[in-house]
Amino acid sequence: MSVLESDPNTLATVITDPGFDEAQVAAAAFLARYNGRTLAAYRYDLRTFFQWAADVGLTVLEAKRPHIELYRTAMEQRGLAASTIDRRLSTVCGFYRFAHIDGRVSANPAQYVRRPKVHPSEGRGLDRRELGTFLFTAENFDKSHAALAVLLGLNGLRVSEACGTNIADLAFTQGHRTLRIMGKGHMPAVIPLVPRAARTIDLAIGERTEGPILCRKDGGKTGSADRPPLGAFHRQTSWPQRRIPSHAPFGIHHGGPRRRSPAPRRPDRCPPCGPSDDHGL
């Protein structure tokens, strides 16, 4: 069994188990620093690198700088984006850096590896018209989607932060409606809600006095089962061919699910209102 395929809870066992080879133990020691989606992403990147090393007959802990340069070249020949190559090389560099710190390799072979130049995207998010269309569409879909839309679009929450909110987290602070969230790195924070967001959340909550703000629509039981699955929201928030910040729209398009295709067309205008309407922003 490979540590790159195993459950995160087995990392401690792998580190102390003599049955695993040194490269697997080094990978477990590196991954032990992380959790959640970061752990999943780094695990995938290391699994890709370990597979490439196996295909070319390379012992992972005996790699030298030219080997990692050839790994970068192999990814470039596959046509991967520069940002993807840079992220995967960053994981490999971190793996070797901590393997060196832990004394598993005599030197860090990835220290001077050339990384691809990632040019910043011109797309910085939704403009005013697009955000208005997004909020208008969510409000016409249902109240839960509308609440998610204002939390992402107006208050700038991450998807994980919005999905983790509870009714008990709402409060009044010095006359302002506030919401307590668990931010990145498990850092708690209290954020003020813009009036439109507060009104929309109240409509989504209705007469409920406890539980999550965003509820499932399939009649889940009490507790965490009421909360929508986080992975589903992350899949819905992808908008191909455009770099959008964490408060990106989920997959709805004028009252229905966005069609899945390599190049979805962006609407030039909002059919109910026309191109100039900003939906009350």
C-alpha atoms as a PDB file:
ATOM      1  CA  MET A   1       0.000   0.000   0.000  1.00  0.00           C
ATOM      2  CA  SER A   2       1.342   3.425  -0.939  1.00  0.00           C
ATOM      3  CA  VAL A   3       1.137   6.352   1.441  1.00  0.00           C
ATOM      4  CA  LEU A   4       0.062   8.424  -1.549  1.00  0.00           C
ATOM      5  CA  GLU A   5      -3.070   6.297  -1.875  1.00  0.00           C
ATOM      6  CA  SER A   6      -3.846   5.740   1.807  1.00  0.00           C
ATOM      7  CA  ASP A   7      -6.102   7.550   4.223  1.00  0.00           C
ATOM      8  CA  PRO A   8      -4.572  10.661   5.874  1.00  0.00           C
ATOM      9  CA  ASN A   9      -5.027   9.027   9.287  1.00  0.00           C
ATOM     10  CA  THR A  10      -2.408   6.388   8.407  1.00  0.00           C
ATOM     11  CA  LEU A  11       0.441   8.873   7.912  1.00  0.00           C
ATOM     12  CA  ALA A  12       1.684   8.451  11.487  1.00  0.00           C
ATOM     13  CA  THR A  13       1.759   4.670  11.060  1.00  0.00           C
ATOM     14  CA  VAL A  14       3.697   4.932   7.801  1.00  0.00           C
ATOM     15  CA  ILE A  15       6.378   7.140   9.368  1.00  0.00           C
ATOM     16  CA  THR A  16       7.126   4.552  12.071  1.00  0.00           C
ATOM     17  CA  ASP A  17       6.505   1.355  10.059  1.00  0.00           C
ATOM     18  CA  PRO A  18       9.756  -0.240   8.798  1.00  0.00           C
ATOM     19  CA  GLY A  19       7.805  -2.030   6.074  1.00  0.00           C
ATOM     20  CA  PHE A  20       7.648   1.100   3.913  1.00  0.00           C
ATOM     21  CA  ASP A  21      10.573   2.221   1.784  1.00  0.00           C
ATOM     22  CA  GLU A  22      12.409   5.427   2.591  1.00  0.00           C
ATOM     23  CA  ALA A  23      10.734   7.447  -0.160  1.00  0.00           C
ATOM     24  CA  GLN A  24       7.272   6.551   1.129  1.00  0.00           C
ATOM     25  CA  VAL A  25       8.292   7.508   4.663  1.00  0.00           C
ATOM     26  CA  ALA A  26       9.718  10.816   3.379  1.00  0.00           C
ATOM     27  CA  ALA A  27       6.432  11.489   1.564  1.00  0.00           C
ATOM     28  CA  ALA A  28       4.443  10.736   4.734  1.00  0.00           C
ATOM     29  CA  ALA A  29       6.680  13.036   6.760  1.00  0.00           C
ATOM     30  CA  PHE A  30       6.141  15.850   4.257  1.00  0.00           C
ATOM     31  CA  LEU A  31       2.366  15.343   4.025  1.00  0.00           C
ATOM     32  CA  ALA A  32       2.007  15.247   7.815  1.00  0.00           C
ATOM     33  CA  ARG A  33       2.282  19.066   7.820  1.00  0.00           C
ATOM     34  CA  TYR A  34      -0.991  19.513   5.939  1.00  0.00           C
ATOM     35  CA  ASN A  35      -4.657  18.594   6.057  1.00  0.00           C
ATOM     36  CA  GLY A  36      -7.883  19.027   4.126  1.00  0.00           C
ATOM     37  CA  ARG A  37      -7.759  20.082   0.507  1.00  0.00           C
ATOM     38  CA  THR A  38      -4.117  21.128   0.753  1.00  0.00           C
ATOM     39  CA  LEU A  39      -3.205  17.593   1.801  1.00  0.00           C
ATOM     40  CA  ALA A  40      -5.255  16.143  -1.062  1.00  0.00           C
ATOM     41  CA  ALA A  41      -3.584  18.441  -3.614  1.00  0.00           C
ATOM     42  CA  TYR A  42      -0.043  17.722  -2.388  1.00  0.00           C
ATOM     43  CA  ARG A  43      -0.771  13.994  -2.243  1.00  0.00           C
ATOM     44  CA  TYR A  44      -1.904  14.074  -5.879  1.00  0.00           C
ATOM     45  CA  ASP A  45       1.159  16.059  -7.002  1.00  0.00           C
ATOM     46  CA  LEU A  46       3.534  13.653  -5.253  1.00  0.00           C
ATOM     47  CA  ARG A  47       1.705  10.651  -6.664  1.00  0.00           C
ATOM     48  CA  THR A  48       2.176  12.091 -10.166  1.00  0.00           C
ATOM     49  CA  PHE A  49       5.892  12.644  -9.566  1.00  0.00           C
ATOM     50  CA  PHE A  50       6.415   9.197  -8.030  1.00  0.00           C
ATOM     51  CA  GLN A  51       4.649   7.614 -11.026  1.00  0.00           C
ATOM     52  CA  TRP A  52       6.875   9.511 -13.462  1.00  0.00           C
ATOM     53  CA  ALA A  53       9.970   8.418 -11.518  1.00  0.00           C
ATOM     54  CA  ALA A  54       8.817   4.784 -11.651  1.00  0.00           C
ATOM     55  CA  ASP A  55       8.168   5.033 -15.400  1.00  0.00           C
ATOM     56  CA  VAL A  56      11.721   6.260 -16.099  1.00  0.00           C
ATOM     57  CA  GLY A  57      13.348   3.920 -13.569  1.00  0.00           C
ATOM     58  CA  LEU A  58      14.400   6.641 -11.139  1.00  0.00           C
ATOM     59  CA  THR A  59      14.786   6.059  -7.397  1.00  0.00           C
ATOM     60  CA  VAL A  60      13.028   9.056  -5.866  1.00  0.00           C
ATOM     61  CA  LEU A  61      15.530   9.801  -3.093  1.00  0.00           C
ATOM     62  CA  GLU A  62      18.450   9.422  -5.499  1.00  0.00           C
ATOM     63  CA  ALA A  63      17.174  12.107  -7.881  1.00  0.00           C
ATOM     64  CA  LYS A  64      19.454  14.958  -8.885  1.00  0.00           C
ATOM     65  CA  ARG A  65      18.636  18.397 -10.209  1.00  0.00           C
ATOM     66  CA  PRO A  66      18.726  17.283 -13.901  1.00  0.00           C
ATOM     67  CA  HIS A  67      16.133  14.594 -13.146  1.00  0.00           C
ATOM     68  CA  ILE A  68      13.675  17.165 -11.812  1.00  0.00           C
ATOM     69  CA  GLU A  69      14.422  19.430 -14.772  1.00  0.00           C
ATOM     70  CA  LEU A  70      13.512  16.499 -17.039  1.00  0.00           C
ATOM     71  CA  TYR A  71      10.290  16.051 -15.067  1.00  0.00           C
ATOM     72  CA  ARG A  72       9.444  19.685 -15.806  1.00  0.00           C
ATOM     73  CA  THR A  73      10.244  19.108 -19.493  1.00  0.00           C
ATOM     74  CA  ALA A  74       7.996  16.039 -19.557  1.00  0.00           C
ATOM     75  CA  MET A  75       5.100  18.091 -18.202  1.00  0.00           C
ATOM     76  CA  GLU A  76       5.747  20.830 -20.758  1.00  0.00           C
ATOM     77  CA  GLN A  77       5.708  18.255 -23.574  1.00  0.00           C
ATOM     78  CA  ARG A  78       2.324  17.044 -22.312  1.00  0.00           C
ATOM     79  CA  GLY A  79       1.002  20.568 -22.850  1.00  0.00           C
ATOM     80  CA  LEU A  80       0.230  21.338 -19.197  1.00  0.00           C
ATOM     81  CA  ALA A  81      -0.327  24.981 -18.266  1.00  0.00           C
ATOM     82  CA  ALA A  82       2.575  26.871 -16.744  1.00  0.00           C
ATOM     83  CA  SER A  83       0.605  27.404 -13.546  1.00  0.00           C
ATOM     84  CA  THR A  84      -0.010  23.652 -13.216  1.00  0.00           C
ATOM     85  CA  ILE A  85       3.655  22.849 -13.799  1.00  0.00           C
ATOM     86  CA  ASP A  86       4.707  25.496 -11.297  1.00  0.00           C
ATOM     87  CA  ARG A  87       2.354  24.109  -8.641  1.00  0.00           C
ATOM     88  CA  ARG A  88       3.541  20.529  -9.128  1.00  0.00           C
ATOM     89  CA  LEU A  89       7.187  21.584  -9.038  1.00  0.00           C
ATOM     90  CA  SER A  90       6.476  23.558  -5.879  1.00  0.00           C
ATOM     91  CA  THR A  91       5.212  20.374  -4.237  1.00  0.00           C
ATOM     92  CA  VAL A  92       8.238  18.391  -5.386  1.00  0.00           C
ATOM     93  CA  CYS A  93      10.590  21.127  -4.166  1.00  0.00           C
ATOM     94  CA  GLY A  94       8.880  21.135  -0.769  1.00  0.00           C
ATOM     95  CA  PHE A  95       9.137  17.338  -0.588  1.00  0.00           C
ATOM     96  CA  TYR A  96      12.903  17.363  -1.209  1.00  0.00           C
ATOM     97  CA  ARG A  97      13.436  20.362   1.053  1.00  0.00           C
ATOM     98  CA  PHE A  98      11.966  18.534   4.033  1.00  0.00           C
ATOM     99  CA  ALA A  99      13.634  15.266   3.041  1.00  0.00           C
ATOM    100  CA  HIS A 100      16.900  17.195   3.318  1.00  0.00           C
ATOM    101  CA  ILE A 101      15.894  18.757   6.646  1.00  0.00           C
ATOM    102  CA  ASP A 102      14.980  15.297   7.993  1.00  0.00           C
ATOM    103  CA  GLY A 103      18.326  13.882   6.869  1.00  0.00           C
ATOM    104  CA  ARG A 104      16.915  11.506   4.238  1.00  0.00           C
ATOM    105  CA  VAL A 105      18.943  13.064   1.403  1.00  0.00           C
ATOM    106  CA  SER A 106      22.379  14.640   1.653  1.00  0.00           C
ATOM    107  CA  ALA A 107      21.396  17.708  -0.409  1.00  0.00           C
ATOM    108  CA  ASN A 108      18.236  19.253  -1.791  1.00  0.00           C
ATOM    109  CA  PRO A 109      18.245  18.421  -5.536  1.00  0.00           C
ATOM    110  CA  ALA A 110      15.304  20.740  -6.234  1.00  0.00           C
ATOM    111  CA  GLN A 111      16.807  23.888  -4.753  1.00  0.00           C
ATOM    112  CA  TYR A 112      17.915  25.391  -8.072  1.00  0.00           C
ATOM    113  CA  VAL A 113      15.362  23.838 -10.422  1.00  0.00           C
ATOM    114  CA  ARG A 114      14.125  26.282 -13.036  1.00  0.00           C
ATOM    115  CA  ARG A 115      10.445  27.024 -12.592  1.00  0.00           C
ATOM    116  CA  PRO A 116       8.165  28.161 -15.445  1.00  0.00           C
ATOM    117  CA  LYS A 117       7.186  31.803 -15.611  1.00  0.00           C
ATOM    118  CA  VAL A 118       3.510  32.182 -14.803  1.00  0.00           C
ATOM    119  CA  HIS A 119       2.041  35.310 -16.338  1.00  0.00           C
ATOM    120  CA  PRO A 120      -0.753  36.951 -14.346  1.00  0.00           C
ATOM    121  CA  SER A 121      -4.184  36.601 -15.872  1.00  0.00           C
ATOM    122  CA  GLU A 122      -6.000  39.714 -17.055  1.00  0.00           C
ATOM    123  CA  GLY A 123      -9.252  38.391 -15.602  1.00  0.00           C
ATOM    124  CA  ARG A 124      -9.623  39.610 -12.027  1.00  0.00           C
ATOM    125  CA  GLY A 125     -13.130  38.430 -11.332  1.00  0.00           C
ATOM    126  CA  LEU A 126     -16.653  39.459 -12.156  1.00  0.00           C
ATOM    127  CA  ASP A 127     -17.403  42.980 -13.290  1.00  0.00           C
ATOM    128  CA  ARG A 128     -20.435  44.875 -11.975  1.00  0.00           C
ATOM    129  CA  ARG A 129     -22.788  43.631 -14.688  1.00  0.00           C
ATOM    130  CA  GLU A 130     -21.703  40.006 -14.334  1.00  0.00           C
ATOM    131  CA  LEU A 131     -22.048  40.102 -10.562  1.00  0.00           C
ATOM    132  CA  GLY A 132     -25.524  41.599 -10.929  1.00  0.00           C
ATOM    133  CA  THR A 133     -26.516  38.830 -13.344  1.00  0.00           C
ATOM    134  CA  PHE A 134     -25.093  36.230 -10.970  1.00  0.00           C
ATOM    135  CA  LEU A 135     -27.075  37.542  -7.983  1.00  0.00           C
ATOM    136  CA  PHE A 136     -30.253  37.966 -10.034  1.00  0.00           C
ATOM    137  CA  THR A 137     -30.021  34.399 -11.333  1.00  0.00           C
ATOM    138  CA  ALA A 138     -29.407  32.983  -7.849  1.00  0.00           C
ATOM    139  CA  GLU A 139     -32.413  34.825  -6.414  1.00  0.00           C
ATOM    140  CA  ASN A 140     -34.631  33.378  -9.121  1.00  0.00           C
ATOM    141  CA  PHE A 141     -33.304  29.876  -8.497  1.00  0.00           C
ATOM    142  CA  ASP A 142     -34.131  29.484  -4.787  1.00  0.00           C
ATOM    143  CA  LYS A 143     -33.453  31.134  -1.434  1.00  0.00           C
ATOM    144  CA  SER A 144     -30.525  28.904  -0.499  1.00  0.00           C
ATOM    145  CA  HIS A 145     -28.715  29.682  -3.750  1.00  0.00           C
ATOM    146  CA  ALA A 146     -29.441  33.366  -3.201  1.00  0.00           C
ATOM    147  CA  ALA A 147     -27.904  33.206   0.293  1.00  0.00           C
ATOM    148  CA  LEU A 148     -24.820  31.454  -1.050  1.00  0.00           C
ATOM    149  CA  ALA A 149     -24.532  34.009  -3.848  1.00  0.00           C
ATOM    150  CA  VAL A 150     -24.528  37.037  -1.539  1.00  0.00           C
ATOM    151  CA  LEU A 151     -22.048  35.405   0.841  1.00  0.00           C
ATOM    152  CA  LEU A 152     -19.671  34.684  -2.021  1.00  0.00           C
ATOM    153  CA  GLY A 153     -20.288  37.717  -4.202  1.00  0.00           C
ATOM    154  CA  LEU A 154     -20.972  40.552  -1.736  1.00  0.00           C
ATOM    155  CA  ASN A 155     -19.101  39.454   1.381  1.00  0.00           C
ATOM    156  CA  GLY A 156     -16.265  37.690  -0.439  1.00  0.00           C
ATOM    157  CA  LEU A 157     -16.342  34.457   1.551  1.00  0.00           C
ATOM    158  CA  ARG A 158     -14.608  31.324   0.360  1.00  0.00           C
ATOM    159  CA  VAL A 159     -16.852  28.401  -0.526  1.00  0.00           C
ATOM    160  CA  SER A 160     -15.714  26.457   2.549  1.00  0.00           C
ATOM    161  CA  GLU A 161     -16.406  29.466   4.785  1.00  0.00           C
ATOM    162  CA  ALA A 162     -19.906  29.948   3.372  1.00  0.00           C
ATOM    163  CA  CYS A 163     -20.770  26.248   3.660  1.00  0.00           C
ATOM    164  CA  GLY A 164     -19.603  26.160   7.272  1.00  0.00           C
ATOM    165  CA  THR A 165     -21.832  28.971   8.524  1.00  0.00           C
ATOM    166  CA  ASN A 166     -24.557  28.303  11.096  1.00  0.00           C
ATOM    167  CA  ILE A 167     -27.578  30.266  12.247  1.00  0.00           C
ATOM    168  CA  ALA A 168     -25.971  30.548  15.689  1.00  0.00           C
ATOM    169  CA  ASP A 169     -23.065  32.434  14.060  1.00  0.00           C
ATOM    170  CA  LEU A 170     -25.336  35.397  13.243  1.00  0.00           C
ATOM    171  CA  ALA A 171     -25.340  38.298  15.697  1.00  0.00           C
ATOM    172  CA  PHE A 172     -25.654  42.050  16.156  1.00  0.00           C
ATOM    173  CA  THR A 173     -22.425  43.910  16.947  1.00  0.00           C
ATOM    174  CA  GLN A 174     -22.625  47.650  17.617  1.00  0.00           C
ATOM    175  CA  GLY A 175     -25.799  47.866  15.577  1.00  0.00           C
ATOM    176  CA  HIS A 176     -24.496  45.871  12.615  1.00  0.00           C
ATOM    177  CA  ARG A 177     -25.468  42.386  11.497  1.00  0.00           C
ATOM    178  CA  THR A 178     -22.396  40.173  11.759  1.00  0.00           C
ATOM    179  CA  LEU A 179     -21.473  36.600  10.918  1.00  0.00           C
ATOM    180  CA  ARG A 180     -18.816  34.507  12.634  1.00  0.00           C
ATOM    181  CA  ILE A 181     -16.852  32.325  10.205  1.00  0.00           C
ATOM    182  CA  MET A 182     -13.955  29.924  10.359  1.00  0.00           C
ATOM    183  CA  GLY A 183     -11.410  31.340   7.949  1.00  0.00           C
ATOM    184  CA  LYS A 184      -8.411  29.844   6.215  1.00  0.00           C
ATOM    185  CA  GLY A 185      -6.061  28.075   8.576  1.00  0.00           C
ATOM    186  CA  HIS A 186      -8.940  27.532  11.053  1.00  0.00           C
ATOM    187  CA  MET A 187      -8.751  31.178  12.077  1.00  0.00           C
ATOM    188  CA  PRO A 188     -12.080  32.463  13.464  1.00  0.00           C
ATOM    189  CA  ALA A 189     -13.284  35.862  12.318  1.00  0.00           C
ATOM    190  CA  VAL A 190     -16.350  38.064  12.652  1.00  0.00           C
ATOM    191  CA  ILE A 191     -17.397  39.870   9.476  1.00  0.00           C
ATOM    192  CA  PRO A 192     -20.099  42.528   9.002  1.00  0.00           C
ATOM    193  CA  LEU A 193     -22.879  41.617   6.594  1.00  0.00           C
ATOM    194  CA  VAL A 194     -23.948  44.097   3.951  1.00  0.00           C
ATOM    195  CA  PRO A 195     -27.693  44.842   4.261  1.00  0.00           C
ATOM    196  CA  ARG A 196     -28.626  42.930   1.126  1.00  0.00           C
ATOM    197  CA  ALA A 197     -26.726  39.870   2.357  1.00  0.00           C
ATOM    198  CA  ALA A 198     -28.431  40.046   5.761  1.00  0.00           C
ATOM    199  CA  ARG A 199     -31.910  40.257   4.189  1.00  0.00           C
ATOM    200  CA  THR A 200     -31.213  37.369   1.817  1.00  0.00           C
ATOM    201  CA  ILE A 201     -29.875  35.173   4.628  1.00  0.00           C
ATOM    202  CA  ASP A 202     -32.974  35.913   6.716  1.00  0.00           C
ATOM    203  CA  LEU A 203     -35.163  34.738   3.836  1.00  0.00           C
ATOM    204  CA  ALA A 204     -33.110  31.550   3.482  1.00  0.00           C
ATOM    205  CA  ILE A 205     -33.340  30.811   7.206  1.00  0.00           C
ATOM    206  CA  GLY A 206     -37.069  31.428   7.455  1.00  0.00           C
ATOM    207  CA  GLU A 207     -38.471  30.226  10.790  1.00  0.00           C
ATOM    208  CA  ARG A 208     -35.485  28.022  11.655  1.00  0.00           C
ATOM    209  CA  THR A 209     -33.576  28.869  14.846  1.00  0.00           C
ATOM    210  CA  GLU A 210     -30.643  26.476  14.608  1.00  0.00           C
ATOM    211  CA  GLY A 211     -28.611  24.477  12.142  1.00  0.00           C
ATOM    212  CA  PRO A 212     -26.669  25.518   9.045  1.00  0.00           C
ATOM    213  CA  ILE A 213     -27.587  28.630   7.094  1.00  0.00           C
ATOM    214  CA  LEU A 214     -27.302  26.753   3.791  1.00  0.00           C
ATOM    215  CA  CYS A 215     -29.441  23.611   3.869  1.00  0.00           C
ATOM    216  CA  ARG A 216     -29.786  20.647   1.620  1.00  0.00           C
ATOM    217  CA  LYS A 217     -32.922  20.348  -0.490  1.00  0.00           C
ATOM    218  CA  ASP A 218     -33.263  16.555  -0.222  1.00  0.00           C
ATOM    219  CA  GLY A 219     -34.654  16.456   3.297  1.00  0.00           C
ATOM    220  CA  GLY A 220     -31.459  15.533   5.148  1.00  0.00           C
ATOM    221  CA  LYS A 221     -31.618  14.653   8.823  1.00  0.00           C
ATOM    222  CA  THR A 222     -30.496  16.921  11.637  1.00  0.00           C
ATOM    223  CA  GLY A 223     -26.863  17.758  12.211  1.00  0.00           C
ATOM    224  CA  SER A 224     -24.186  17.825   9.526  1.00  0.00           C
ATOM    225  CA  ALA A 225     -26.421  15.896   7.099  1.00  0.00           C
ATOM    226  CA  ASP A 226     -28.467  19.082   6.640  1.00  0.00           C
ATOM    227  CA  ARG A 227     -25.428  20.900   5.279  1.00  0.00           C
ATOM    228  CA  PRO A 228     -24.783  20.773   1.515  1.00  0.00           C
ATOM    229  CA  PRO A 229     -21.690  18.738   0.541  1.00  0.00           C
ATOM    230  CA  LEU A 230     -18.692  21.044   0.241  1.00  0.00           C
ATOM    231  CA  GLY A 231     -17.264  19.180  -2.734  1.00  0.00           C
ATOM    232  CA  ALA A 232     -20.430  19.774  -4.728  1.00  0.00           C
ATOM    233  CA  PHE A 233     -20.184  23.529  -4.202  1.00  0.00           C
ATOM    234  CA  HIS A 234     -16.512  23.501  -5.226  1.00  0.00           C
ATOM    235  CA  ARG A 235     -17.404  21.652  -8.426  1.00  0.00           C
ATOM    236  CA  GLN A 236     -20.248  24.072  -9.108  1.00  0.00           C
ATOM    237  CA  THR A 237     -18.107  27.167  -8.603  1.00  0.00           C
ATOM    238  CA  SER A 238     -15.724  26.355 -11.447  1.00  0.00           C
ATOM    239  CA  TRP A 239     -16.001  28.725 -14.401  1.00  0.00           C
ATOM    240  CA  PRO A 240     -13.629  27.533 -17.176  1.00  0.00           C
ATOM    241  CA  GLN A 241     -11.474  29.896 -19.219  1.00  0.00           C
ATOM    242  CA  ARG A 242     -11.561  32.674 -16.623  1.00  0.00           C
ATOM    243  CA  ARG A 243      -9.643  33.223 -13.413  1.00  0.00           C
ATOM    244  CA  ILE A 244     -12.196  34.042 -10.734  1.00  0.00           C
ATOM    245  CA  PRO A 245     -11.483  34.641  -7.035  1.00  0.00           C
ATOM    246  CA  SER A 246     -12.847  32.538  -4.204  1.00  0.00           C
ATOM    247  CA  HIS A 247     -16.248  34.292  -4.355  1.00  0.00           C
ATOM    248  CA  ALA A 248     -16.943  32.812  -7.801  1.00  0.00           C
ATOM    249  CA  PRO A 249     -20.414  31.866  -9.056  1.00  0.00           C
ATOM    250  CA  PHE A 250     -21.677  28.324  -8.796  1.00  0.00           C
ATOM    251  CA  GLY A 251     -23.045  26.435 -11.775  1.00  0.00           C
ATOM    252  CA  ILE A 252     -26.354  28.152 -12.453  1.00  0.00           C
ATOM    253  CA  HIS A 253     -27.182  30.086 -15.584  1.00  0.00           C
ATOM    254  CA  HIS A 254     -30.464  31.985 -15.743  1.00  0.00           C
ATOM    255  CA  GLY A 255     -32.508  29.517 -13.747  1.00  0.00           C
ATOM    256  CA  GLY A 256     -30.810  26.244 -14.735  1.00  0.00           C
ATOM    257  CA  PRO A 257     -27.550  24.363 -14.340  1.00  0.00           C
ATOM    258  CA  ARG A 258     -24.622  25.594 -16.439  1.00  0.00           C
ATOM    259  CA  ARG A 259     -23.927  23.208 -19.267  1.00  0.00           C
ATOM    260  CA  ARG A 260     -20.691  21.227 -19.009  1.00  0.00           C
ATOM    261  CA  SER A 261     -18.450  21.701 -22.006  1.00  0.00           C
ATOM    262  CA  PRO A 262     -14.792  22.644 -22.655  1.00  0.00           C
ATOM    263  CA  ALA A 263     -15.759  26.165 -23.721  1.00  0.00           C
ATOM    264  CA  PRO A 264     -19.077  27.358 -22.304  1.00  0.00           C
ATOM    265  CA  ARG A 265     -20.338  30.611 -23.789  1.00  0.00           C
ATOM    266  CA  ARG A 266     -20.756  33.537 -21.449  1.00  0.00           C
ATOM    267  CA  PRO A 267     -24.076  35.362 -21.922  1.00  0.00           C
ATOM    268  CA  ASP A 268     -23.646  38.833 -23.408  1.00  0.00           C
ATOM    269  CA  ARG A 269     -26.756  40.144 -21.742  1.00  0.00           C
ATOM    270  CA  CYS A 270     -29.251  39.209 -19.076  1.00  0.00           C
ATOM    271  CA  PRO A 271     -32.438  38.239 -21.019  1.00  0.00           C
ATOM    272  CA  PRO A 272     -34.923  39.545 -18.444  1.00  0.00           C
ATOM    273  CA  CYS A 273     -33.251  42.918 -18.007  1.00  0.00           C
ATOM    274  CA  GLY A 274     -30.875  43.751 -20.838  1.00  0.00           C
ATOM    275  CA  PRO A 275     -27.153  44.493 -20.832  1.00  0.00           C
ATOM    276  CA  SER A 276     -27.289  47.717 -18.848  1.00  0.00           C
ATOM    277  CA  ASP A 277     -29.223  46.492 -15.840  1.00  0.00           C
ATOM    278  CA  ASP A 278     -27.119  46.004 -12.723  1.00  0.00           C
ATOM    279  CA  HIS A 279     -29.932  44.393 -10.671  1.00  0.00           C
ATOM    280  CA  GLY A 280     -29.963  46.950  -7.920  1.00  0.00           C
ATOM    281  CA  LEU A 281     -26.293  46.809  -7.005  1.00  0.00           C
END
